[in-house]
Amino acid sequence: MKKPKRILKLSSLPFDIASHPSHDLTAVSNIEGEIIFLSLKDDISKLDTIQPHTDSCRRLLFSDTSLLSISSDKSFVVSDLETKKVQKKFTDAHENALYALCEVRDGKVFATGDDEGVIKLWDLRKEDPILMIQPEHSNFISSFSVDSTGSTLLAASGDGRLSVWNSRQRKLIARSDECDSELLTCDVVRANSKVVCGDGEGVLNIFTWDDWGDITDRVPIQEEVSIDSVLCYSEQVLVLGCMDGVIRATSLFPHTPLSHIGDHADNPIESMCLSPDDDEILSVGHDYFVRAWPVEKLNEDMKKLSTQDSDDDSNDSEDGDSDSDSSEDEKPKKKKLKHISSKEIKLQESADFFSDLA
């Protein structure tokens, strides 16, 4: 088992961790509905604690001077970072527990998704902030992503489908065919040309932009080990938090496994983020710890990969055109979708030990 660079034990089970994109701020949420602000100077330590929710705080999102959060208590809350007080609270933001949260554009338009597959689009500048309500999925919304302009919103779901939305016109563009397993993560990569979704069977499902019907490639990572969290470390490298507690890194195009970053001793990884200085990967899982992992080895692997790619390109130009890679043309054989997602199983397992978890 790899040892983290730094570690902090919490008093309650954590759900999410996030860092501010431009300020030295990091926060972690837990099953009690609390948000704990962390100091990363020297050892990891607790600063302020607020409690905007009455039940599990499932997702956090920093946006300029605010911190947004959603909960299984159905609420959507905007807290002020300076005063640490609630600015806006939508007590019954959805009819069901919320699961996913995403900034769409401008630091004012956001998307939320719930356990029953309903998506809402919000503009917090307006008196009536709800722009769209769409029940396009038959299972929970696990993750969102957007293109670089904020015009296209993508939603991954436990029903094994990816939906694609025009966020400005608030219309459905496309909905994919059913994948082999529930989709648990969603990330836009390769300069808005590809979308990568991790699933409950340990596979990265790759969609090509504007070809939304079916995946164009699939990358097995670890058989029967769900990919529960993804951190886009670069345009080519993803860091994967998996159900077996291992944090893995892999490159895309070409698909090459890189080093293991760390592990949580068989406890599933729930969330990861980069530290504000980009020098560490912070992770939380189904234990009580925040762990900080060094990235030097990952950066070394990336340099080696870049050098290898350059050498391969030189060889290709000398040898002439080679046979094209057929992986994009091959379609995986479909199998029956599981009816209960691994995320739901994990949440239920936590509920067995913590009666206040939704």
Protein backbone atom coordinates (compact mmCIF):
# COMPACT_ATOMS: atom_id res chain seq x y z
CA MET A 1 0.00 0.00 0.00
CA LYS A 2 1.37 3.38 -1.01
CA LYS A 3 1.62 6.01 1.69
CA PRO A 4 0.18 9.47 1.06
CA LYS A 5 2.33 12.56 1.35
CA ARG A 6 -0.06 13.96 3.97
CA ILE A 7 -3.22 12.72 5.67
CA LEU A 8 -6.07 14.04 7.81
CA LYS A 9 -8.59 11.94 9.73
CA LEU A 10 -12.17 13.25 9.78
CA SER A 11 -14.89 12.57 12.32
CA SER A 12 -17.54 11.76 9.68
CA LEU A 13 -17.54 9.92 6.36
CA PRO A 14 -16.58 12.32 3.52
CA PHE A 15 -18.47 12.58 0.25
CA ASP A 16 -16.73 15.17 -1.91
CA ILE A 17 -13.61 17.31 -2.03
CA ALA A 18 -12.98 20.41 -4.14
CA SER A 19 -10.43 23.20 -4.55
CA HIS A 20 -11.05 26.73 -5.77
CA PRO A 21 -9.80 27.23 -9.36
CA SER A 22 -7.98 30.49 -8.57
CA HIS A 23 -7.68 30.86 -4.79
CA ASP A 24 -5.99 28.89 -2.03
CA LEU A 25 -9.21 27.27 -0.81
CA THR A 26 -10.11 23.60 -0.35
CA ALA A 27 -13.21 22.07 1.21
CA VAL A 28 -14.59 18.61 1.95
CA SER A 29 -18.23 17.62 2.55
CA ASN A 30 -19.59 14.76 4.67
CA ILE A 31 -22.64 12.64 5.46
CA GLU A 32 -23.69 15.00 8.25
CA GLY A 33 -24.37 17.80 5.77
CA GLU A 34 -21.27 19.70 6.87
CA ILE A 35 -18.67 21.47 4.74
CA ILE A 36 -15.18 21.64 6.27
CA PHE A 37 -12.65 24.15 4.95
CA LEU A 38 -9.08 22.84 4.98
CA SER A 39 -5.63 24.34 5.32
CA LEU A 40 -2.97 22.62 3.22
CA LYS A 41 -0.04 24.48 4.74
CA ASP A 42 2.40 22.01 6.30
CA ASP A 43 0.02 19.29 7.57
CA ILE A 44 -3.61 19.15 6.41
CA SER A 45 -5.75 20.75 9.08
CA LYS A 46 -9.33 21.93 9.60
CA LEU A 47 -10.28 25.58 9.45
CA ASP A 48 -13.95 26.60 9.47
CA THR A 49 -16.94 24.25 9.42
CA ILE A 50 -20.42 25.18 8.17
CA GLN A 51 -23.59 23.11 7.94
CA PRO A 52 -25.83 24.27 5.09
CA HIS A 53 -27.62 20.90 4.84
CA THR A 54 -29.52 18.58 7.16
CA ASP A 55 -28.35 15.42 5.40
CA SER A 56 -25.45 14.15 3.29
CA CYS A 57 -23.71 16.90 1.30
CA ARG A 58 -22.99 15.04 -1.90
CA ARG A 59 -21.28 17.60 -4.16
CA LEU A 60 -19.29 20.82 -3.79
CA LEU A 61 -18.43 23.43 -6.42
CA PHE A 62 -16.36 26.59 -5.99
CA SER A 63 -17.42 29.51 -8.19
CA ASP A 64 -15.69 32.88 -7.81
CA THR A 65 -16.78 34.18 -4.37
CA SER A 66 -19.29 31.41 -3.66
CA LEU A 67 -19.39 27.75 -2.74
CA LEU A 68 -22.28 25.74 -4.15
CA SER A 69 -23.44 22.47 -2.62
CA ILE A 70 -26.19 19.88 -3.07
CA SER A 71 -27.56 17.29 -0.70
CA SER A 72 -29.65 14.18 -0.29
CA ASP A 73 -32.00 16.46 1.71
CA LYS A 74 -33.05 17.80 -1.77
CA SER A 75 -31.55 21.25 -1.19
CA PHE A 76 -29.28 23.36 -3.40
CA VAL A 77 -27.29 25.97 -1.44
CA VAL A 78 -25.05 28.91 -2.35
CA SER A 79 -22.72 30.01 0.49
CA ASP A 80 -20.57 33.14 0.62
CA LEU A 81 -16.87 32.33 0.90
CA GLU A 82 -15.96 35.43 2.89
CA THR A 83 -18.71 35.29 5.52
CA LYS A 84 -19.24 31.50 5.33
CA LYS A 85 -22.99 32.21 5.46
CA VAL A 86 -25.78 30.98 3.21
CA GLN A 87 -26.59 33.43 0.39
CA LYS A 88 -29.34 31.41 -1.27
CA LYS A 89 -31.03 28.17 -0.34
CA PHE A 90 -33.46 26.23 -2.50
CA THR A 91 -34.88 23.88 0.11
CA ASP A 92 -36.77 21.62 -2.29
CA ALA A 93 -34.63 22.11 -5.37
CA HIS A 94 -35.72 18.67 -6.64
CA GLU A 95 -38.41 16.22 -5.64
CA ASN A 96 -35.70 13.64 -4.96
CA ALA A 97 -32.22 13.58 -3.44
CA LEU A 98 -29.64 15.48 -5.51
CA TYR A 99 -26.60 13.69 -6.88
CA ALA A 100 -24.76 15.78 -9.52
CA LEU A 101 -23.74 19.45 -9.83
CA CYS A 102 -21.97 21.37 -12.58
CA GLU A 103 -21.18 24.95 -13.60
CA VAL A 104 -22.40 25.43 -17.15
CA ARG A 105 -21.14 28.96 -17.93
CA ASP A 106 -20.44 32.48 -16.66
CA GLY A 107 -20.33 31.46 -13.00
CA LYS A 108 -24.08 31.98 -12.93
CA VAL A 109 -25.67 29.10 -14.87
CA PHE A 110 -25.55 25.67 -13.22
CA ALA A 111 -26.98 22.19 -13.68
CA THR A 112 -28.23 19.78 -11.01
CA GLY A 113 -29.26 16.15 -11.34
CA ASP A 114 -31.05 13.83 -8.94
CA ASP A 115 -31.47 10.19 -7.99
CA GLU A 116 -34.42 9.70 -10.36
CA GLY A 117 -32.75 11.08 -13.51
CA VAL A 118 -34.20 14.60 -13.48
CA ILE A 119 -31.97 17.45 -14.72
CA LYS A 120 -32.53 21.11 -13.83
CA LEU A 121 -30.79 24.14 -15.28
CA TRP A 122 -30.45 27.22 -13.05
CA ASP A 123 -29.59 30.88 -13.67
CA LEU A 124 -28.88 32.33 -10.24
CA ARG A 125 -29.08 35.92 -11.55
CA LYS A 126 -32.82 35.58 -12.05
CA GLU A 127 -35.65 35.88 -9.56
CA ASP A 128 -37.08 32.63 -10.88
CA PRO A 129 -33.79 30.75 -11.39
CA ILE A 130 -35.07 27.47 -12.85
CA LEU A 131 -34.62 27.48 -16.63
CA MET A 132 -35.27 23.83 -17.45
CA ILE A 133 -36.62 20.66 -15.91
CA GLN A 134 -36.03 17.48 -17.92
CA PRO A 135 -36.65 13.86 -16.82
CA GLU A 136 -34.77 12.21 -19.70
CA HIS A 137 -33.18 9.37 -17.73
CA SER A 138 -34.62 6.40 -15.86
CA ASN A 139 -31.87 6.28 -13.21
CA PHE A 140 -29.70 8.68 -11.23
CA ILE A 141 -27.67 11.46 -12.89
CA SER A 142 -24.13 10.55 -11.90
CA SER A 143 -22.07 13.29 -13.53
CA PHE A 144 -22.10 16.35 -15.79
CA SER A 145 -19.59 17.94 -18.13
CA VAL A 146 -19.63 20.90 -20.53
CA ASP A 147 -17.76 21.99 -23.63
CA SER A 148 -15.36 24.93 -23.50
CA THR A 149 -18.07 27.45 -24.46
CA GLY A 150 -20.68 26.22 -22.01
CA SER A 151 -23.12 25.74 -24.87
CA THR A 152 -23.24 21.94 -24.67
CA LEU A 153 -24.13 20.14 -21.44
CA LEU A 154 -23.55 16.40 -21.14
CA ALA A 155 -25.14 14.19 -18.50
CA ALA A 156 -24.14 10.61 -17.62
CA SER A 157 -26.66 8.36 -15.92
CA GLY A 158 -27.04 5.11 -14.05
CA ASP A 159 -29.33 3.96 -16.87
CA GLY A 160 -26.22 3.53 -19.03
CA ARG A 161 -26.94 6.47 -21.34
CA LEU A 162 -25.33 9.81 -22.11
CA SER A 163 -27.60 12.76 -22.90
CA VAL A 164 -26.41 15.85 -24.76
CA TRP A 165 -28.10 19.25 -24.34
CA ASN A 166 -27.98 22.67 -25.94
CA SER A 167 -27.79 24.67 -22.72
CA ARG A 168 -28.65 27.99 -24.37
CA GLN A 169 -31.72 26.76 -26.23
CA ARG A 170 -32.47 24.28 -23.43
CA LYS A 171 -33.13 21.46 -25.87
CA LEU A 172 -32.05 17.84 -26.07
CA ILE A 173 -29.54 17.30 -28.88
CA ALA A 174 -29.10 13.54 -28.56
CA ARG A 175 -29.25 10.60 -26.22
CA SER A 176 -26.91 7.65 -26.65
CA ASP A 177 -27.76 4.00 -26.90
CA GLU A 178 -27.56 2.00 -23.69
CA CYS A 179 -23.98 1.15 -22.71
CA ASP A 180 -22.90 -2.10 -21.10
CA SER A 181 -23.10 -0.72 -17.57
CA GLU A 182 -24.14 2.35 -15.62
CA LEU A 183 -22.17 5.49 -16.52
CA LEU A 184 -20.62 7.00 -13.39
CA THR A 185 -18.38 9.79 -14.70
CA CYS A 186 -18.39 12.18 -17.65
CA ASP A 187 -15.52 14.32 -18.97
CA VAL A 188 -14.89 16.28 -22.17
CA VAL A 189 -11.34 15.76 -23.47
CA ARG A 190 -9.20 16.30 -26.56
CA ALA A 191 -10.32 19.90 -27.24
CA ASN A 192 -14.04 19.08 -27.33
CA SER A 193 -13.55 16.15 -29.70
CA LYS A 194 -14.14 13.26 -27.29
CA VAL A 195 -16.25 12.49 -24.21
CA VAL A 196 -15.04 9.83 -21.74
CA CYS A 197 -17.43 8.07 -19.34
CA GLY A 198 -16.26 5.67 -16.65
CA ASP A 199 -18.65 2.83 -15.87
CA GLY A 200 -19.55 0.25 -13.25
CA GLU A 201 -17.59 -2.53 -14.97
CA GLY A 202 -14.22 -0.76 -14.94
CA VAL A 203 -14.31 0.50 -18.53
CA LEU A 204 -13.77 3.95 -20.03
CA ASN A 205 -16.43 4.44 -22.70
CA ILE A 206 -15.38 6.96 -25.36
CA PHE A 207 -17.82 8.95 -27.47
CA THR A 208 -16.79 11.00 -30.51
CA TRP A 209 -18.26 14.50 -30.65
CA ASP A 210 -21.44 14.69 -32.79
CA ASP A 211 -21.56 10.89 -33.03
CA TRP A 212 -23.65 10.29 -29.94
CA GLY A 213 -25.52 7.12 -30.83
CA ASP A 214 -22.91 4.65 -29.62
CA ILE A 215 -19.40 4.65 -28.24
CA THR A 216 -16.52 4.65 -30.72
CA ASP A 217 -13.98 3.07 -28.39
CA ARG A 218 -13.73 1.43 -24.99
CA VAL A 219 -10.72 1.12 -22.68
CA PRO A 220 -10.84 -1.62 -20.00
CA ILE A 221 -9.10 -0.45 -16.82
CA GLN A 222 -9.79 -3.09 -14.17
CA GLU A 223 -12.36 -5.83 -14.69
CA GLU A 224 -15.46 -5.61 -12.47
CA VAL A 225 -14.04 -2.60 -10.58
CA SER A 226 -16.19 0.48 -11.09
CA ILE A 227 -14.64 3.83 -11.99
CA ASP A 228 -16.31 6.16 -9.49
CA SER A 229 -14.32 9.36 -9.88
CA VAL A 230 -12.22 10.90 -12.65
CA LEU A 231 -9.78 13.80 -12.51
CA CYS A 232 -8.68 15.26 -15.87
CA TYR A 233 -5.00 15.79 -15.13
CA SER A 234 -4.26 16.91 -18.69
CA GLU A 235 -5.78 16.69 -22.16
CA GLN A 236 -4.17 13.26 -22.47
CA VAL A 237 -4.02 11.88 -18.93
CA LEU A 238 -6.88 10.89 -16.62
CA VAL A 239 -6.61 9.96 -12.95
CA LEU A 240 -9.21 7.36 -11.98
CA GLY A 241 -10.62 6.71 -8.53
CA CYS A 242 -11.90 3.15 -8.40
CA MET A 243 -14.13 1.01 -6.21
CA ASP A 244 -11.20 -1.17 -5.06
CA GLY A 245 -9.65 1.91 -3.43
CA VAL A 246 -6.86 2.29 -5.99
CA ILE A 247 -6.12 5.60 -7.73
CA ARG A 248 -4.89 4.81 -11.24
CA ALA A 249 -3.56 7.02 -14.02
CA THR A 250 -3.97 6.31 -17.72
CA SER A 251 -3.23 8.15 -20.92
CA LEU A 252 -5.62 8.38 -23.84
CA PHE A 253 -4.78 8.23 -27.56
CA PRO A 254 -2.73 6.08 -27.23
CA HIS A 255 -4.35 4.22 -24.33
CA THR A 256 -1.47 3.49 -21.97
CA PRO A 257 -1.68 2.59 -18.26
CA LEU A 258 0.54 4.82 -16.14
CA SER A 259 1.57 4.62 -12.49
CA HIS A 260 -0.73 3.98 -9.55
CA ILE A 261 -1.02 7.21 -7.59
CA GLY A 262 -2.13 5.68 -4.29
CA ASP A 263 -4.87 3.71 -2.57
CA HIS A 264 -7.40 3.87 0.25
CA ALA A 265 -6.89 0.31 1.55
CA ASP A 266 -9.80 -1.28 -0.34
CA ASN A 267 -12.19 1.59 0.46
CA PRO A 268 -13.88 2.94 -2.70
CA ILE A 269 -12.69 6.35 -3.91
CA GLU A 270 -15.54 8.86 -3.80
CA SER A 271 -13.88 12.06 -5.05
CA MET A 272 -10.56 13.64 -6.08
CA CYS A 273 -9.24 17.09 -6.92
CA LEU A 274 -5.95 18.86 -7.49
CA SER A 275 -4.56 20.97 -4.67
CA PRO A 276 -4.66 24.73 -5.36
CA ASP A 277 -0.92 24.72 -6.20
CA ASP A 278 -1.34 21.65 -8.48
CA ASP A 279 1.40 19.83 -6.55
CA GLU A 280 -0.82 17.13 -5.04
CA ILE A 281 -3.89 15.05 -5.79
CA LEU A 282 -6.35 15.12 -2.89
CA SER A 283 -8.70 12.18 -2.42
CA VAL A 284 -11.53 11.04 -0.16
CA GLY A 285 -13.16 7.63 -0.04
CA HIS A 286 -15.35 5.34 2.02
CA ASP A 287 -13.18 5.79 5.07
CA TYR A 288 -12.56 8.84 7.26
CA PHE A 289 -9.44 10.24 5.63
CA VAL A 290 -8.37 13.05 3.33
CA ARG A 291 -5.19 11.94 1.60
CA ALA A 292 -2.71 14.03 -0.38
CA TRP A 293 -0.66 12.26 -3.05
CA PRO A 294 2.48 13.59 -4.77
CA VAL A 295 2.39 13.93 -8.57
CA GLU A 296 6.13 13.81 -9.35
CA LYS A 297 6.02 10.18 -10.55
CA LEU A 298 2.98 10.89 -12.73
CA ASN A 299 4.74 13.88 -14.29
CA GLU A 300 7.77 11.69 -15.01
CA ASP A 301 5.55 9.10 -16.69
CA MET A 302 3.97 11.80 -18.82
CA LYS A 303 7.37 13.06 -19.97
CA LYS A 304 8.45 9.53 -20.91
CA LEU A 305 5.19 9.03 -22.80
CA SER A 306 5.65 12.32 -24.65
CA THR A 307 9.19 11.33 -25.66
CA GLN A 308 7.99 7.91 -26.81
CA ASP A 309 5.20 9.47 -28.88
CA SER A 310 7.70 11.81 -30.54
CA ASP A 311 9.96 8.88 -31.41
CA ASP A 312 7.00 6.90 -32.78
CA ASP A 313 5.94 9.84 -34.94
CA SER A 314 9.47 10.07 -36.36
CA ASN A 315 9.51 6.35 -37.15
CA ASP A 316 6.09 6.56 -38.78
CA SER A 317 7.21 9.39 -41.05
CA GLU A 318 10.27 7.37 -42.10
CA ASP A 319 8.37 4.13 -42.67
CA GLY A 320 5.47 5.69 -44.54
CA ASP A 321 1.80 5.31 -43.83
CA SER A 322 0.89 2.31 -41.70
CA ASP A 323 -2.37 0.46 -41.36
CA SER A 324 -4.90 2.54 -39.44
CA ASP A 325 -6.01 1.55 -35.95
CA SER A 326 -9.31 -0.25 -36.21
CA SER A 327 -10.27 0.23 -32.55
CA GLU A 328 -12.52 3.19 -33.41
CA ASP A 329 -14.52 1.00 -35.82
CA GLU A 330 -15.00 -1.93 -33.48
CA LYS A 331 -18.18 -1.93 -31.40
CA PRO A 332 -18.26 -3.80 -28.09
CA LYS A 333 -20.75 -6.59 -27.72
CA LYS A 334 -23.75 -5.49 -25.69
CA LYS A 335 -24.65 -7.23 -22.49
CA LYS A 336 -27.53 -6.77 -20.11
CA LEU A 337 -27.41 -3.60 -18.00
CA LYS A 338 -27.31 -4.06 -14.27
CA HIS A 339 -30.48 -2.85 -12.56
CA ILE A 340 -28.73 -1.63 -9.41
CA SER A 341 -25.74 0.66 -9.79
CA SER A 342 -22.54 0.24 -7.85
CA LYS A 343 -22.95 3.80 -6.59
CA GLU A 344 -26.38 2.94 -5.18
CA ILE A 345 -24.96 -0.19 -3.55
CA LYS A 346 -22.20 1.83 -1.89
CA LEU A 347 -24.64 4.42 -0.64
CA GLN A 348 -26.87 1.70 0.79
CA GLU A 349 -23.89 0.01 2.46
CA SER A 350 -22.99 3.31 4.09
CA ALA A 351 -26.63 3.71 5.17
CA ASP A 352 -26.45 0.39 6.98
CA PHE A 353 -23.75 1.82 9.23
CA PHE A 354 -24.83 5.43 9.35
CA SER A 355 -28.58 5.77 9.86
CA ASP A 356 -28.59 9.42 8.87
CA LEU A 357 -27.29 8.78 5.35
CA ALA A 358 -30.00 9.07 2.69
